[in-house]
Full PDB file with SEQRES, HELIX, SHEET, SSBOND, CRYST1, ORIGX, SCALE, CONECT and MASTER records, all heavy atoms in Angstrom:
SEQRES   1 A   31  GLY PHE ALA LEU TYR TRP THR TYR LYS PRO ARG SER THR          
SEQRES   2 A   31  SER SER THR ALA VAL ALA GLN PRO GLU PRO ALA ALA GLU          
SEQRES   3 A   31  PRO HIS LEU ALA ARG                                          
HELIX    1 AA1 PHE A    2  TYR A    8  1                                   7    
CRYST1    1.000    1.000    1.000  90.00  90.00  90.00 P 1           1          
ORIGX1      1.000000  0.000000  0.000000        0.00000                         
ORIGX2      0.000000  1.000000  0.000000        0.00000                         
ORIGX3      0.000000  0.000000  1.000000        0.00000                         
SCALE1      1.000000  0.000000  0.000000        0.00000                         
SCALE2      0.000000  1.000000  0.000000        0.00000                         
SCALE3      0.000000  0.000000  1.000000        0.00000                         
ATOM      1  N   GLY A   1       0.773  -1.197   0.009  1.00  0.00           N  
ATOM      2  CA  GLY A   1      -0.044   0.043   0.043  1.00  0.00           C  
ATOM      3  C   GLY A   1       0.830   1.236  -0.019  1.00  0.00           C  
ATOM      4  O   GLY A   1       0.598   2.166  -0.817  1.00  0.00           O  
ATOM      5  N   PHE A   2       1.808   1.302   0.892  1.00  0.00           N  
ATOM      6  CA  PHE A   2       2.604   2.584   0.978  1.00  0.00           C  
ATOM      7  C   PHE A   2       3.512   2.690  -0.272  1.00  0.00           C  
ATOM      8  O   PHE A   2       3.670   3.850  -0.744  1.00  0.00           O  
ATOM      9  CB  PHE A   2       3.480   2.582   2.259  1.00  0.00           C  
ATOM     10  CG  PHE A   2       4.289   3.801   2.364  1.00  0.00           C  
ATOM     11  CD1 PHE A   2       3.660   5.044   2.698  1.00  0.00           C  
ATOM     12  CD2 PHE A   2       5.664   3.780   2.200  1.00  0.00           C  
ATOM     13  CE1 PHE A   2       4.394   6.149   2.770  1.00  0.00           C  
ATOM     14  CE2 PHE A   2       6.429   4.985   2.278  1.00  0.00           C  
ATOM     15  CZ  PHE A   2       5.787   6.147   2.593  1.00  0.00           C  
ATOM     16  N   ALA A   3       4.042   1.542  -0.765  1.00  0.00           N  
ATOM     17  CA  ALA A   3       4.872   1.651  -2.021  1.00  0.00           C  
ATOM     18  C   ALA A   3       4.056   2.189  -3.165  1.00  0.00           C  
ATOM     19  O   ALA A   3       4.480   2.982  -3.934  1.00  0.00           O  
ATOM     20  CB  ALA A   3       5.449   0.237  -2.355  1.00  0.00           C  
ATOM     21  N   LEU A   4       2.772   1.699  -3.301  1.00  0.00           N  
ATOM     22  CA  LEU A   4       1.942   2.166  -4.364  1.00  0.00           C  
ATOM     23  C   LEU A   4       1.509   3.608  -4.242  1.00  0.00           C  
ATOM     24  O   LEU A   4       1.517   4.396  -5.160  1.00  0.00           O  
ATOM     25  CB  LEU A   4       0.609   1.311  -4.475  1.00  0.00           C  
ATOM     26  CG  LEU A   4       0.824  -0.027  -5.171  1.00  0.00           C  
ATOM     27  CD1 LEU A   4      -0.402  -0.820  -5.019  1.00  0.00           C  
ATOM     28  CD2 LEU A   4       1.150   0.175  -6.595  1.00  0.00           C  
ATOM     29  N   TYR A   5       1.251   4.005  -2.969  1.00  0.00           N  
ATOM     30  CA  TYR A   5       0.984   5.377  -2.700  1.00  0.00           C  
ATOM     31  C   TYR A   5       2.187   6.357  -3.043  1.00  0.00           C  
ATOM     32  O   TYR A   5       2.054   7.327  -3.660  1.00  0.00           O  
ATOM     33  CB  TYR A   5       0.534   5.642  -1.246  1.00  0.00           C  
ATOM     34  CG  TYR A   5       0.461   7.043  -0.903  1.00  0.00           C  
ATOM     35  CD1 TYR A   5      -0.691   7.806  -1.310  1.00  0.00           C  
ATOM     36  CD2 TYR A   5       1.461   7.732  -0.190  1.00  0.00           C  
ATOM     37  CE1 TYR A   5      -0.786   9.220  -1.008  1.00  0.00           C  
ATOM     38  CE2 TYR A   5       1.369   9.152   0.044  1.00  0.00           C  
ATOM     39  CZ  TYR A   5       0.255   9.831  -0.344  1.00  0.00           C  
ATOM     40  OH  TYR A   5       0.174  11.190  -0.075  1.00  0.00           O  
ATOM     41  N   TRP A   6       3.350   5.931  -2.602  1.00  0.00           N  
ATOM     42  CA  TRP A   6       4.580   6.714  -2.814  1.00  0.00           C  
ATOM     43  C   TRP A   6       4.847   6.823  -4.314  1.00  0.00           C  
ATOM     44  O   TRP A   6       5.237   7.844  -4.774  1.00  0.00           O  
ATOM     45  CB  TRP A   6       5.735   6.029  -2.173  1.00  0.00           C  
ATOM     46  CG  TRP A   6       6.989   6.887  -2.248  1.00  0.00           C  
ATOM     47  CD1 TRP A   6       8.021   6.690  -3.079  1.00  0.00           C  
ATOM     48  CD2 TRP A   6       7.259   8.049  -1.470  1.00  0.00           C  
ATOM     49  NE1 TRP A   6       9.005   7.629  -2.878  1.00  0.00           N  
ATOM     50  CE2 TRP A   6       8.561   8.446  -1.884  1.00  0.00           C  
ATOM     51  CE3 TRP A   6       6.657   8.632  -0.433  1.00  0.00           C  
ATOM     52  CZ2 TRP A   6       9.172   9.645  -1.353  1.00  0.00           C  
ATOM     53  CZ3 TRP A   6       7.291   9.752   0.162  1.00  0.00           C  
ATOM     54  CH2 TRP A   6       8.532  10.214  -0.308  1.00  0.00           C  
ATOM     55  N   THR A   7       4.541   5.728  -5.056  1.00  0.00           N  
ATOM     56  CA  THR A   7       4.798   5.783  -6.511  1.00  0.00           C  
ATOM     57  C   THR A   7       3.775   6.650  -7.211  1.00  0.00           C  
ATOM     58  O   THR A   7       4.158   7.378  -8.186  1.00  0.00           O  
ATOM     59  CB  THR A   7       4.665   4.334  -7.122  1.00  0.00           C  
ATOM     60  OG1 THR A   7       5.605   3.532  -6.418  1.00  0.00           O  
ATOM     61  CG2 THR A   7       4.997   4.321  -8.510  1.00  0.00           C  
ATOM     62  N   TYR A   8       2.464   6.584  -6.864  1.00  0.00           N  
ATOM     63  CA  TYR A   8       1.469   7.324  -7.576  1.00  0.00           C  
ATOM     64  C   TYR A   8       0.788   8.468  -6.795  1.00  0.00           C  
ATOM     65  O   TYR A   8      -0.226   8.933  -7.061  1.00  0.00           O  
ATOM     66  CB  TYR A   8       0.295   6.322  -7.974  1.00  0.00           C  
ATOM     67  CG  TYR A   8       0.819   5.355  -8.958  1.00  0.00           C  
ATOM     68  CD1 TYR A   8       1.064   4.014  -8.497  1.00  0.00           C  
ATOM     69  CD2 TYR A   8       1.082   5.625 -10.234  1.00  0.00           C  
ATOM     70  CE1 TYR A   8       1.501   3.010  -9.415  1.00  0.00           C  
ATOM     71  CE2 TYR A   8       1.488   4.662 -11.172  1.00  0.00           C  
ATOM     72  CZ  TYR A   8       1.695   3.362 -10.700  1.00  0.00           C  
ATOM     73  OH  TYR A   8       2.115   2.423 -11.621  1.00  0.00           O  
ATOM     74  N   LYS A   9       1.574   8.999  -5.782  1.00  0.00           N  
ATOM     75  CA  LYS A   9       0.992  10.069  -4.964  1.00  0.00           C  
ATOM     76  C   LYS A   9       0.770  11.289  -5.783  1.00  0.00           C  
ATOM     77  O   LYS A   9       1.413  11.575  -6.767  1.00  0.00           O  
ATOM     78  CB  LYS A   9       1.891  10.331  -3.853  1.00  0.00           C  
ATOM     79  CG  LYS A   9       3.179  10.999  -4.141  1.00  0.00           C  
ATOM     80  CD  LYS A   9       4.057  11.281  -2.926  1.00  0.00           C  
ATOM     81  CE  LYS A   9       5.365  11.865  -3.362  1.00  0.00           C  
ATOM     82  NZ  LYS A   9       6.183  12.185  -2.278  1.00  0.00           N  
ATOM     83  N   PRO A  10      -0.276  12.099  -5.389  1.00  0.00           N  
ATOM     84  CA  PRO A  10      -0.554  13.286  -6.095  1.00  0.00           C  
ATOM     85  C   PRO A  10       0.642  14.321  -6.015  1.00  0.00           C  
ATOM     86  O   PRO A  10       1.237  14.374  -4.966  1.00  0.00           O  
ATOM     87  CB  PRO A  10      -1.826  13.924  -5.436  1.00  0.00           C  
ATOM     88  CG  PRO A  10      -2.243  12.825  -4.551  1.00  0.00           C  
ATOM     89  CD  PRO A  10      -1.189  11.814  -4.347  1.00  0.00           C  
ATOM     90  N   ARG A  11       0.905  14.968  -7.142  1.00  0.00           N  
ATOM     91  CA  ARG A  11       2.010  15.883  -7.070  1.00  0.00           C  
ATOM     92  C   ARG A  11       1.534  17.125  -6.409  1.00  0.00           C  
ATOM     93  O   ARG A  11       0.421  17.623  -6.568  1.00  0.00           O  
ATOM     94  CB  ARG A  11       2.477  16.151  -8.492  1.00  0.00           C  
ATOM     95  CG  ARG A  11       2.996  14.908  -9.122  1.00  0.00           C  
ATOM     96  CD  ARG A  11       3.447  15.211 -10.519  1.00  0.00           C  
ATOM     97  NE  ARG A  11       3.671  14.019 -11.182  1.00  0.00           N  
ATOM     98  CZ  ARG A  11       4.831  13.809 -11.839  1.00  0.00           C  
ATOM     99  NH1 ARG A  11       5.680  14.747 -12.027  1.00  0.00           N  
ATOM    100  NH2 ARG A  11       5.128  12.578 -12.392  1.00  0.00           N  
ATOM    101  N   SER A  12       2.467  17.791  -5.602  1.00  0.00           N  
ATOM    102  CA  SER A  12       2.102  19.067  -4.966  1.00  0.00           C  
ATOM    103  C   SER A  12       2.119  20.159  -5.975  1.00  0.00           C  
ATOM    104  O   SER A  12       2.919  20.137  -6.963  1.00  0.00           O  
ATOM    105  CB  SER A  12       3.089  19.295  -3.782  1.00  0.00           C  
ATOM    106  OG  SER A  12       4.364  19.435  -4.302  1.00  0.00           O  
ATOM    107  N   THR A  13       1.298  21.150  -5.731  1.00  0.00           N  
ATOM    108  CA  THR A  13       1.287  22.271  -6.591  1.00  0.00           C  
ATOM    109  C   THR A  13       2.490  23.180  -6.322  1.00  0.00           C  
ATOM    110  O   THR A  13       2.872  23.388  -5.234  1.00  0.00           O  
ATOM    111  CB  THR A  13      -0.007  23.109  -6.430  1.00  0.00           C  
ATOM    112  OG1 THR A  13      -0.133  23.498  -5.199  1.00  0.00           O  
ATOM    113  CG2 THR A  13      -1.184  22.248  -6.888  1.00  0.00           C  
ATOM    114  N   SER A  14       3.111  23.723  -7.353  1.00  0.00           N  
ATOM    115  CA  SER A  14       4.283  24.500  -7.289  1.00  0.00           C  
ATOM    116  C   SER A  14       3.822  26.004  -6.901  1.00  0.00           C  
ATOM    117  O   SER A  14       2.754  26.427  -7.352  1.00  0.00           O  
ATOM    118  CB  SER A  14       5.028  24.532  -8.618  1.00  0.00           C  
ATOM    119  OG  SER A  14       6.054  25.419  -8.559  1.00  0.00           O  
ATOM    120  N   SER A  15       4.698  26.678  -6.187  1.00  0.00           N  
ATOM    121  CA  SER A  15       4.344  28.103  -5.845  1.00  0.00           C  
ATOM    122  C   SER A  15       4.470  28.979  -7.090  1.00  0.00           C  
ATOM    123  O   SER A  15       3.976  30.117  -7.061  1.00  0.00           O  
ATOM    124  CB  SER A  15       5.252  28.493  -4.739  1.00  0.00           C  
ATOM    125  OG  SER A  15       6.617  28.512  -5.160  1.00  0.00           O  
ATOM    126  N   THR A  16       5.128  28.478  -8.109  1.00  0.00           N  
ATOM    127  CA  THR A  16       5.326  29.360  -9.294  1.00  0.00           C  
ATOM    128  C   THR A  16       4.218  29.057 -10.319  1.00  0.00           C  
ATOM    129  O   THR A  16       4.271  29.647 -11.385  1.00  0.00           O  
ATOM    130  CB  THR A  16       6.674  29.019 -10.019  1.00  0.00           C  
ATOM    131  OG1 THR A  16       6.729  27.619 -10.408  1.00  0.00           O  
ATOM    132  CG2 THR A  16       7.851  29.323  -9.060  1.00  0.00           C  
ATOM    133  N   ALA A  17       3.166  28.341  -9.947  1.00  0.00           N  
ATOM    134  CA  ALA A  17       2.112  28.028 -10.872  1.00  0.00           C  
ATOM    135  C   ALA A  17       1.320  29.315 -11.134  1.00  0.00           C  
ATOM    136  O   ALA A  17       1.185  30.116 -10.245  1.00  0.00           O  
ATOM    137  CB  ALA A  17       1.210  26.914 -10.334  1.00  0.00           C  
ATOM    138  N   VAL A  18       0.752  29.430 -12.326  1.00  0.00           N  
ATOM    139  CA  VAL A  18      -0.005  30.582 -12.645  1.00  0.00           C  
ATOM    140  C   VAL A  18      -1.441  30.465 -12.073  1.00  0.00           C  
ATOM    141  O   VAL A  18      -2.019  29.386 -12.145  1.00  0.00           O  
ATOM    142  CB  VAL A  18      -0.142  30.699 -14.207  1.00  0.00           C  
ATOM    143  CG1 VAL A  18      -1.136  31.875 -14.575  1.00  0.00           C  
ATOM    144  CG2 VAL A  18       1.148  30.821 -14.822  1.00  0.00           C  
ATOM    145  N   ALA A  19      -1.797  31.484 -11.389  1.00  0.00           N  
ATOM    146  CA  ALA A  19      -3.175  31.361 -10.701  1.00  0.00           C  
ATOM    147  C   ALA A  19      -4.236  31.459 -11.752  1.00  0.00           C  
ATOM    148  O   ALA A  19      -4.150  32.236 -12.724  1.00  0.00           O  
ATOM    149  CB  ALA A  19      -3.303  32.581  -9.769  1.00  0.00           C  
ATOM    150  N   GLN A  20      -5.259  30.608 -11.600  1.00  0.00           N  
ATOM    151  CA  GLN A  20      -6.349  30.597 -12.557  1.00  0.00           C  
ATOM    152  C   GLN A  20      -7.339  31.690 -12.132  1.00  0.00           C  
ATOM    153  O   GLN A  20      -7.648  31.843 -10.904  1.00  0.00           O  
ATOM    154  CB  GLN A  20      -7.036  29.243 -12.502  1.00  0.00           C  
ATOM    155  CG  GLN A  20      -6.132  28.090 -12.954  1.00  0.00           C  
ATOM    156  CD  GLN A  20      -5.846  28.176 -14.438  1.00  0.00           C  
ATOM    157  OE1 GLN A  20      -6.681  28.651 -15.213  1.00  0.00           O  
ATOM    158  NE2 GLN A  20      -4.641  27.813 -14.808  1.00  0.00           N  
ATOM    159  N   PRO A  21      -7.914  32.351 -13.100  1.00  0.00           N  
ATOM    160  CA  PRO A  21      -8.938  33.324 -12.746  1.00  0.00           C  
ATOM    161  C   PRO A  21     -10.183  32.715 -12.237  1.00  0.00           C  
ATOM    162  O   PRO A  21     -10.517  31.644 -12.583  1.00  0.00           O  
ATOM    163  CB  PRO A  21      -9.112  34.094 -14.016  1.00  0.00           C  
ATOM    164  CG  PRO A  21      -8.763  33.110 -15.156  1.00  0.00           C  
ATOM    165  CD  PRO A  21      -7.678  32.313 -14.517  1.00  0.00           C  
ATOM    166  N   GLU A  22     -10.895  33.429 -11.396  1.00  0.00           N  
ATOM    167  CA  GLU A  22     -12.138  32.905 -10.888  1.00  0.00           C  
ATOM    168  C   GLU A  22     -13.130  32.918 -11.967  1.00  0.00           C  
ATOM    169  O   GLU A  22     -13.238  33.853 -12.812  1.00  0.00           O  
ATOM    170  CB  GLU A  22     -12.636  33.704  -9.667  1.00  0.00           C  
ATOM    171  CG  GLU A  22     -11.717  33.510  -8.452  1.00  0.00           C  
ATOM    172  CD  GLU A  22     -12.338  34.055  -7.169  1.00  0.00           C  
ATOM    173  OE1 GLU A  22     -13.612  34.106  -7.101  1.00  0.00           O  
ATOM    174  OE2 GLU A  22     -11.618  34.366  -6.287  1.00  0.00           O  
ATOM    175  N   PRO A  23     -14.029  31.916 -11.966  1.00  0.00           N  
ATOM    176  CA  PRO A  23     -15.058  31.869 -13.060  1.00  0.00           C  
ATOM    177  C   PRO A  23     -16.046  33.083 -12.894  1.00  0.00           C  
ATOM    178  O   PRO A  23     -16.347  33.611 -11.821  1.00  0.00           O  
ATOM    179  CB  PRO A  23     -15.759  30.594 -12.822  1.00  0.00           C  
ATOM    180  CG  PRO A  23     -15.468  30.144 -11.447  1.00  0.00           C  
ATOM    181  CD  PRO A  23     -14.117  30.766 -11.139  1.00  0.00           C  
ATOM    182  N   ALA A  24     -16.502  33.533 -13.989  1.00  0.00           N  
ATOM    183  CA  ALA A  24     -17.490  34.667 -14.050  1.00  0.00           C  
ATOM    184  C   ALA A  24     -18.811  34.126 -13.477  1.00  0.00           C  
ATOM    185  O   ALA A  24     -19.115  33.066 -13.449  1.00  0.00           O  
ATOM    186  CB  ALA A  24     -17.688  35.148 -15.461  1.00  0.00           C  
ATOM    187  N   ALA A  25     -19.514  35.184 -12.792  1.00  0.00           N  
ATOM    188  CA  ALA A  25     -20.820  34.833 -12.280  1.00  0.00           C  
ATOM    189  C   ALA A  25     -21.759  34.360 -13.359  1.00  0.00           C  
ATOM    190  O   ALA A  25     -21.669  34.803 -14.458  1.00  0.00           O  
ATOM    191  CB  ALA A  25     -21.358  36.043 -11.529  1.00  0.00           C  
ATOM    192  N   GLU A  26     -22.674  33.485 -12.912  1.00  0.00           N  
ATOM    193  CA  GLU A  26     -23.627  32.934 -13.856  1.00  0.00           C  
ATOM    194  C   GLU A  26     -24.552  34.148 -14.274  1.00  0.00           C  
ATOM    195  O   GLU A  26     -24.986  34.906 -13.417  1.00  0.00           O  
ATOM    196  CB  GLU A  26     -24.456  31.896 -13.239  1.00  0.00           C  
ATOM    197  CG  GLU A  26     -23.665  30.725 -12.764  1.00  0.00           C  
ATOM    198  CD  GLU A  26     -23.392  29.767 -13.924  1.00  0.00           C  
ATOM    199  OE1 GLU A  26     -24.133  29.715 -14.917  1.00  0.00           O  
ATOM    200  OE2 GLU A  26     -22.400  29.030 -13.793  1.00  0.00           O  
ATOM    201  N   PRO A  27     -24.862  34.279 -15.598  1.00  0.00           N  
ATOM    202  CA  PRO A  27     -25.705  35.441 -16.028  1.00  0.00           C  
ATOM    203  C   PRO A  27     -27.097  35.420 -15.375  1.00  0.00           C  
ATOM    204  O   PRO A  27     -27.622  36.520 -15.090  1.00  0.00           O  
ATOM    205  CB  PRO A  27     -25.755  35.280 -17.547  1.00  0.00           C  
ATOM    206  CG  PRO A  27     -24.814  34.167 -17.915  1.00  0.00           C  
ATOM    207  CD  PRO A  27     -24.422  33.431 -16.661  1.00  0.00           C  
ATOM    208  N   HIS A  28     -27.639  34.302 -15.238  1.00  0.00           N  
ATOM    209  CA  HIS A  28     -29.030  34.245 -14.680  1.00  0.00           C  
ATOM    210  C   HIS A  28     -29.038  34.555 -13.148  1.00  0.00           C  
ATOM    211  O   HIS A  28     -30.074  34.812 -12.610  1.00  0.00           O  
ATOM    212  CB  HIS A  28     -29.619  32.928 -14.916  1.00  0.00           C  
ATOM    213  CG  HIS A  28     -28.982  31.800 -14.237  1.00  0.00           C  
ATOM    214  ND1 HIS A  28     -27.882  31.169 -14.705  1.00  0.00           N  
ATOM    215  CD2 HIS A  28     -29.342  31.161 -13.070  1.00  0.00           C  
ATOM    216  CE1 HIS A  28     -27.550  30.166 -13.780  1.00  0.00           C  
ATOM    217  NE2 HIS A  28     -28.361  30.159 -12.833  1.00  0.00           N  
ATOM    218  N   LEU A  29     -27.803  34.558 -12.482  1.00  0.00           N  
ATOM    219  CA  LEU A  29     -27.808  34.859 -11.057  1.00  0.00           C  
ATOM    220  C   LEU A  29     -27.596  36.367 -10.795  1.00  0.00           C  
ATOM    221  O   LEU A  29     -27.908  36.854  -9.715  1.00  0.00           O  
ATOM    222  CB  LEU A  29     -26.656  34.067 -10.398  1.00  0.00           C  
ATOM    223  CG  LEU A  29     -26.816  32.577 -10.327  1.00  0.00           C  
ATOM    224  CD1 LEU A  29     -25.579  31.902  -9.689  1.00  0.00           C  
ATOM    225  CD2 LEU A  29     -28.166  32.141  -9.647  1.00  0.00           C  
ATOM    226  N   ALA A  30     -27.037  37.085 -11.740  1.00  0.00           N  
ATOM    227  CA  ALA A  30     -26.771  38.541 -11.558  1.00  0.00           C  
ATOM    228  C   ALA A  30     -28.054  39.288 -11.932  1.00  0.00           C  
ATOM    229  O   ALA A  30     -28.525  39.268 -13.125  1.00  0.00           O  
ATOM    230  CB  ALA A  30     -25.578  38.932 -12.423  1.00  0.00           C  
ATOM    231  N   ARG A  31     -28.658  39.981 -11.039  1.00  0.00           N  
ATOM    232  CA  ARG A  31     -29.924  40.711 -11.287  1.00  0.00           C  
ATOM    233  C   ARG A  31     -29.776  42.067 -10.696  1.00  0.00           C  
ATOM    234  O   ARG A  31     -29.278  42.409  -9.750  1.00  0.00           O  
ATOM    235  CB  ARG A  31     -31.098  39.963 -10.687  1.00  0.00           C  
ATOM    236  CG  ARG A  31     -31.334  38.700 -11.439  1.00  0.00           C  
ATOM    237  CD  ARG A  31     -32.623  38.069 -11.032  1.00  0.00           C  
ATOM    238  NE  ARG A  31     -32.730  36.758 -11.628  1.00  0.00           N  
ATOM    239  CZ  ARG A  31     -33.809  36.316 -12.131  1.00  0.00           C  
ATOM    240  NH1 ARG A  31     -34.915  36.992 -12.013  1.00  0.00           N  
ATOM    241  NH2 ARG A  31     -33.817  35.144 -12.654  1.00  0.00           N  
TER     242      ARG A  31                                                      
MASTER        0    0    0    1    0    0    0    6  241    1    0    3          
END                                                                             
């Protein structure tokens, strides 16, 4: 179990990664 986890563990996100913009508000919710 640990060997498989170590082999396929999720990669950590890098601090140099580009931030994704937040999604725009749904048009039907803005009134």
